[in-house]
């Protein structure tokens, strides 16, 4: 899990899971994703012990790694889409104000 643990830690440092300035529904969705990562991390830690079927446990650990990586990717994508939308709204507002100024 080292790679995905670091991907999640990096995402936290980069503010990917920061919900302070997001619309409520998006903030809730990202919070739910973060809860899932925390739950998956707990499952990973529980499985990262000695088991009779080491191959089976290894496969499960790999699946958890993949899920965590997918969640980090999805949240990053959601944040990027939100930034693009905010940028478009700001640009539209600026253009609207410019047009208003030209009418006066």
N, C-alpha and C. Protein backbone atom coordinates (compact mmCIF):
# COMPACT_ATOMS: atom_id res chain seq x y z
N UNK A 1 0.82 -1.20 0.00
CA UNK A 1 0.00 0.00 0.00
C UNK A 1 0.86 1.24 0.00
N UNK A 2 2.13 1.10 0.05
CA UNK A 2 3.00 2.26 0.17
C UNK A 2 2.70 3.31 -0.91
N UNK A 3 2.59 2.88 -2.15
CA UNK A 3 2.37 3.84 -3.24
C UNK A 3 1.05 4.60 -3.04
N UNK A 4 -0.02 3.90 -2.78
CA UNK A 4 -1.31 4.56 -2.64
C UNK A 4 -1.44 5.30 -1.32
N UNK A 5 -0.77 4.80 -0.29
CA UNK A 5 -0.74 5.54 0.97
C UNK A 5 -0.09 6.89 0.72
N UNK A 6 0.99 6.90 -0.03
CA UNK A 6 1.66 8.17 -0.33
C UNK A 6 0.82 9.03 -1.26
N UNK A 7 0.10 8.40 -2.18
CA UNK A 7 -0.79 9.16 -3.08
C UNK A 7 -1.87 9.86 -2.26
N UNK A 8 -2.42 9.16 -1.28
CA UNK A 8 -3.43 9.77 -0.42
C UNK A 8 -2.81 10.86 0.44
N UNK A 9 -1.65 10.59 1.02
CA UNK A 9 -0.97 11.59 1.86
C UNK A 9 -0.64 12.83 1.03
N UNK A 10 -0.17 12.63 -0.19
CA UNK A 10 0.14 13.77 -1.07
C UNK A 10 -1.13 14.54 -1.40
N UNK A 11 -2.21 13.83 -1.68
CA UNK A 11 -3.48 14.48 -1.99
C UNK A 11 -3.95 15.32 -0.79
N UNK A 12 -3.74 14.81 0.41
CA UNK A 12 -4.10 15.58 1.61
C UNK A 12 -3.26 16.85 1.70
N UNK A 13 -1.95 16.70 1.48
CA UNK A 13 -1.05 17.87 1.53
C UNK A 13 -1.41 18.90 0.47
N UNK A 14 -1.83 18.42 -0.70
CA UNK A 14 -2.17 19.31 -1.81
C UNK A 14 -3.57 19.90 -1.68
N UNK A 15 -4.31 19.50 -0.66
CA UNK A 15 -5.64 20.05 -0.44
C UNK A 15 -6.73 19.42 -1.29
N UNK A 16 -6.45 18.28 -1.88
CA UNK A 16 -7.43 17.62 -2.74
C UNK A 16 -8.69 17.24 -1.97
N UNK A 17 -8.54 16.89 -0.70
CA UNK A 17 -9.70 16.50 0.10
C UNK A 17 -10.24 17.68 0.93
N UNK A 18 -9.75 18.89 0.66
CA UNK A 18 -10.23 20.08 1.36
C UNK A 18 -11.60 20.46 0.82
N UNK A 19 -12.54 20.64 1.70
CA UNK A 19 -13.92 20.91 1.29
C UNK A 19 -14.41 22.29 1.73
N UNK A 20 -13.54 23.10 2.30
CA UNK A 20 -13.96 24.37 2.90
C UNK A 20 -14.71 25.30 1.94
N UNK A 21 -14.28 25.38 0.71
CA UNK A 21 -14.88 26.37 -0.21
C UNK A 21 -15.70 25.74 -1.32
N UNK A 22 -16.15 24.53 -1.08
CA UNK A 22 -16.90 23.81 -2.11
C UNK A 22 -18.41 23.93 -1.88
N UNK A 23 -19.18 23.77 -2.94
CA UNK A 23 -20.64 23.66 -2.77
C UNK A 23 -20.94 22.48 -1.83
N UNK A 24 -21.99 22.60 -1.08
CA UNK A 24 -22.32 21.62 -0.05
C UNK A 24 -22.39 20.19 -0.58
N UNK A 25 -23.04 19.98 -1.70
CA UNK A 25 -23.19 18.61 -2.22
C UNK A 25 -21.84 18.01 -2.61
N UNK A 26 -20.98 18.82 -3.21
CA UNK A 26 -19.65 18.33 -3.60
C UNK A 26 -18.80 18.07 -2.36
N UNK A 27 -18.90 18.95 -1.38
CA UNK A 27 -18.15 18.76 -0.13
C UNK A 27 -18.56 17.45 0.53
N UNK A 28 -19.86 17.15 0.53
CA UNK A 28 -20.35 15.91 1.14
C UNK A 28 -19.84 14.69 0.37
N UNK A 29 -19.84 14.78 -0.94
CA UNK A 29 -19.35 13.66 -1.76
C UNK A 29 -17.87 13.40 -1.47
N UNK A 30 -17.08 14.45 -1.40
CA UNK A 30 -15.65 14.28 -1.13
C UNK A 30 -15.43 13.75 0.29
N UNK A 31 -16.22 14.21 1.24
CA UNK A 31 -16.14 13.70 2.61
C UNK A 31 -16.45 12.21 2.63
N UNK A 32 -17.45 11.78 1.87
CA UNK A 32 -17.79 10.36 1.79
C UNK A 32 -16.64 9.55 1.19
N UNK A 33 -16.02 10.09 0.15
CA UNK A 33 -14.86 9.41 -0.45
C UNK A 33 -13.73 9.27 0.58
N UNK A 34 -13.51 10.34 1.35
CA UNK A 34 -12.45 10.27 2.34
C UNK A 34 -12.75 9.23 3.42
N UNK A 35 -14.00 9.15 3.82
CA UNK A 35 -14.40 8.11 4.79
C UNK A 35 -14.12 6.72 4.22
N UNK A 36 -14.37 6.56 2.94
CA UNK A 36 -14.11 5.27 2.29
C UNK A 36 -12.61 4.95 2.32
N UNK A 37 -11.78 5.95 2.05
CA UNK A 37 -10.33 5.73 2.09
C UNK A 37 -9.90 5.32 3.49
N UNK A 38 -10.43 5.99 4.49
CA UNK A 38 -10.08 5.67 5.88
C UNK A 38 -10.51 4.24 6.22
N UNK A 39 -11.70 3.86 5.79
CA UNK A 39 -12.18 2.50 6.02
C UNK A 39 -11.32 1.47 5.29
N UNK A 40 -10.97 1.77 4.06
CA UNK A 40 -10.12 0.85 3.30
C UNK A 40 -8.74 0.73 3.93
N UNK A 41 -8.23 1.83 4.45
CA UNK A 41 -6.92 1.80 5.13
C UNK A 41 -6.99 0.90 6.36
N UNK A 42 -8.10 0.95 7.08
CA UNK A 42 -8.27 0.07 8.24
C UNK A 42 -8.32 -1.39 7.81
N UNK A 43 -9.04 -1.66 6.73
CA UNK A 43 -9.11 -3.03 6.22
C UNK A 43 -7.72 -3.50 5.78
N UNK A 44 -6.98 -2.63 5.13
CA UNK A 44 -5.63 -2.96 4.68
C UNK A 44 -4.76 -3.35 5.89
N UNK A 45 -4.82 -2.52 6.93
CA UNK A 45 -4.02 -2.79 8.12
C UNK A 45 -4.40 -4.12 8.77
N UNK A 46 -5.70 -4.45 8.76
CA UNK A 46 -6.15 -5.71 9.34
C UNK A 46 -5.66 -6.90 8.52
N UNK A 47 -5.59 -6.73 7.21
CA UNK A 47 -5.16 -7.83 6.34
C UNK A 47 -3.64 -7.94 6.22
N UNK A 48 -2.95 -6.90 6.64
CA UNK A 48 -1.49 -6.87 6.50
C UNK A 48 -0.85 -7.59 7.71
N UNK A 49 -1.33 -8.77 7.96
CA UNK A 49 -0.81 -9.59 9.05
C UNK A 49 -0.54 -10.99 8.47
N UNK A 50 -0.07 -11.86 9.28
CA UNK A 50 0.20 -13.22 8.81
C UNK A 50 -1.11 -14.00 8.68
N UNK A 51 -1.35 -14.50 7.48
CA UNK A 51 -2.52 -15.33 7.22
C UNK A 51 -2.05 -16.65 6.63
N UNK A 52 -2.82 -17.70 6.87
CA UNK A 52 -2.49 -19.01 6.30
C UNK A 52 -2.46 -18.93 4.79
N UNK A 53 -3.42 -18.24 4.21
CA UNK A 53 -3.49 -18.07 2.77
C UNK A 53 -2.87 -16.71 2.40
N UNK A 54 -1.57 -16.66 2.35
CA UNK A 54 -0.86 -15.41 2.06
C UNK A 54 -1.21 -14.85 0.67
N UNK A 55 -1.40 -15.74 -0.30
CA UNK A 55 -1.74 -15.28 -1.65
C UNK A 55 -3.09 -14.58 -1.67
N UNK A 56 -4.05 -15.16 -0.97
CA UNK A 56 -5.38 -14.56 -0.90
C UNK A 56 -5.33 -13.19 -0.24
N UNK A 57 -4.61 -13.09 0.86
CA UNK A 57 -4.48 -11.81 1.56
C UNK A 57 -3.75 -10.80 0.67
N UNK A 58 -2.75 -11.27 -0.05
CA UNK A 58 -2.01 -10.38 -0.95
C UNK A 58 -2.91 -9.83 -2.05
N UNK A 59 -3.75 -10.68 -2.59
CA UNK A 59 -4.69 -10.23 -3.63
C UNK A 59 -5.65 -9.18 -3.07
N UNK A 60 -6.13 -9.42 -1.86
CA UNK A 60 -7.04 -8.45 -1.23
C UNK A 60 -6.33 -7.12 -0.99
N UNK A 61 -5.09 -7.18 -0.55
CA UNK A 61 -4.32 -5.94 -0.32
C UNK A 61 -4.14 -5.18 -1.63
N UNK A 62 -3.87 -5.91 -2.70
CA UNK A 62 -3.70 -5.26 -4.00
C UNK A 62 -5.01 -4.60 -4.44
N UNK A 63 -6.14 -5.28 -4.19
CA UNK A 63 -7.45 -4.71 -4.54
C UNK A 63 -7.72 -3.43 -3.73
N UNK A 64 -7.37 -3.45 -2.46
CA UNK A 64 -7.57 -2.26 -1.63
C UNK A 64 -6.70 -1.12 -2.14
N UNK A 65 -5.46 -1.43 -2.47
CA UNK A 65 -4.56 -0.42 -3.06
C UNK A 65 -5.20 0.24 -4.27
N UNK A 66 -5.72 -0.59 -5.14
CA UNK A 66 -6.33 -0.10 -6.37
C UNK A 66 -7.55 0.79 -6.08
N UNK A 67 -8.36 0.39 -5.11
CA UNK A 67 -9.53 1.18 -4.74
C UNK A 67 -9.14 2.54 -4.19
N UNK A 68 -8.14 2.57 -3.31
CA UNK A 68 -7.69 3.84 -2.75
C UNK A 68 -7.15 4.75 -3.84
N UNK A 69 -6.37 4.19 -4.74
CA UNK A 69 -5.84 4.98 -5.85
C UNK A 69 -6.97 5.53 -6.71
N UNK A 70 -7.98 4.72 -6.97
CA UNK A 70 -9.12 5.16 -7.76
C UNK A 70 -9.88 6.29 -7.08
N UNK A 71 -10.03 6.21 -5.77
CA UNK A 71 -10.73 7.26 -5.04
C UNK A 71 -9.95 8.57 -5.09
N UNK A 72 -8.64 8.50 -4.88
CA UNK A 72 -7.80 9.71 -4.96
C UNK A 72 -7.93 10.33 -6.35
N UNK A 73 -7.91 9.49 -7.37
CA UNK A 73 -8.04 9.99 -8.75
C UNK A 73 -9.41 10.65 -8.96
N UNK A 74 -10.46 10.03 -8.48
CA UNK A 74 -11.82 10.56 -8.65
C UNK A 74 -11.99 11.89 -7.94
N UNK A 75 -11.49 11.99 -6.71
CA UNK A 75 -11.61 13.25 -5.96
C UNK A 75 -10.80 14.35 -6.64
N UNK A 76 -9.62 14.00 -7.14
CA UNK A 76 -8.81 14.98 -7.88
C UNK A 76 -9.57 15.49 -9.09
N UNK A 77 -10.22 14.58 -9.80
CA UNK A 77 -11.01 14.96 -10.98
C UNK A 77 -12.18 15.86 -10.59
N UNK A 78 -12.86 15.53 -9.50
CA UNK A 78 -13.98 16.36 -9.04
C UNK A 78 -13.51 17.78 -8.69
N UNK A 79 -12.38 17.86 -8.02
CA UNK A 79 -11.84 19.18 -7.66
C UNK A 79 -11.47 19.98 -8.91
N UNK A 80 -10.87 19.32 -9.89
CA UNK A 80 -10.51 20.00 -11.14
C UNK A 80 -11.74 20.50 -11.87
N UNK A 81 -12.77 19.67 -11.93
CA UNK A 81 -14.02 20.08 -12.59
C UNK A 81 -14.65 21.27 -11.87
N UNK A 82 -14.60 21.25 -10.54
CA UNK A 82 -15.16 22.36 -9.78
C UNK A 82 -14.36 23.64 -10.04
N UNK A 83 -13.05 23.53 -10.12
CA UNK A 83 -12.21 24.70 -10.40
C UNK A 83 -12.52 25.28 -11.77
N UNK A 84 -12.68 24.39 -12.75
CA UNK A 84 -13.01 24.84 -14.11
C UNK A 84 -14.36 25.55 -14.12
N UNK A 85 -15.33 25.00 -13.41
CA UNK A 85 -16.66 25.63 -13.34
C UNK A 85 -16.58 27.00 -12.68
N UNK A 86 -15.82 27.09 -11.59
CA UNK A 86 -15.67 28.37 -10.88
C UNK A 86 -14.99 29.38 -11.78
N UNK A 87 -14.02 28.93 -12.54
CA UNK A 87 -13.30 29.82 -13.46
C UNK A 87 -14.25 30.33 -14.54
N UNK A 88 -15.08 29.46 -15.07
CA UNK A 88 -16.05 29.86 -16.10
C UNK A 88 -17.07 30.84 -15.52
N UNK A 89 -17.53 30.58 -14.30
CA UNK A 89 -18.48 31.50 -13.67
C UNK A 89 -17.85 32.87 -13.46
N UNK A 90 -16.60 32.91 -13.02
CA UNK A 90 -15.91 34.18 -12.80
C UNK A 90 -15.72 34.92 -14.12
N UNK A 91 -15.35 34.18 -15.16
CA UNK A 91 -15.16 34.80 -16.48
C UNK A 91 -16.48 35.34 -17.00
N UNK A 92 -17.55 34.59 -16.84
CA UNK A 92 -18.87 35.05 -17.29
C UNK A 92 -19.28 36.30 -16.53
N UNK A 93 -19.01 36.33 -15.24
CA UNK A 93 -19.35 37.49 -14.42
C UNK A 93 -18.55 38.71 -14.88
N UNK A 94 -17.27 38.52 -15.16
CA UNK A 94 -16.41 39.62 -15.63
C UNK A 94 -16.91 40.14 -16.97
N UNK A 95 -17.26 39.22 -17.87
CA UNK A 95 -17.77 39.64 -19.18
C UNK A 95 -19.09 40.39 -19.03
N UNK A 96 -19.94 39.91 -18.13
CA UNK A 96 -21.22 40.57 -17.88
C UNK A 96 -21.00 42.00 -17.37
N UNK A 97 -20.07 42.16 -16.43
CA UNK A 97 -19.78 43.49 -15.89
C UNK A 97 -19.20 44.41 -16.98
N UNK A 98 -18.36 43.85 -17.84
CA UNK A 98 -17.78 44.64 -18.92
C UNK A 98 -18.88 45.12 -19.87
N UNK A 99 -19.80 44.23 -20.21
CA UNK A 99 -20.90 44.59 -21.09
C UNK A 99 -21.79 45.66 -20.45
N UNK A 100 -22.03 45.53 -19.14
CA UNK A 100 -22.80 46.53 -18.44
C UNK A 100 -22.11 47.90 -18.49
N UNK A 101 -20.80 47.89 -18.30
CA UNK A 101 -20.05 49.14 -18.31
C UNK A 101 -20.10 49.79 -19.70
N UNK A 102 -20.10 48.97 -20.75
CA UNK A 102 -20.16 49.52 -22.09
C UNK A 102 -21.53 50.12 -22.39
N UNK A 103 -22.57 49.64 -21.74
CA UNK A 103 -23.92 50.16 -21.97
C UNK A 103 -24.14 51.50 -21.29
N UNK A 104 -23.38 51.79 -20.26
CA UNK A 104 -23.58 53.01 -19.48
C UNK A 104 -23.00 54.21 -20.16
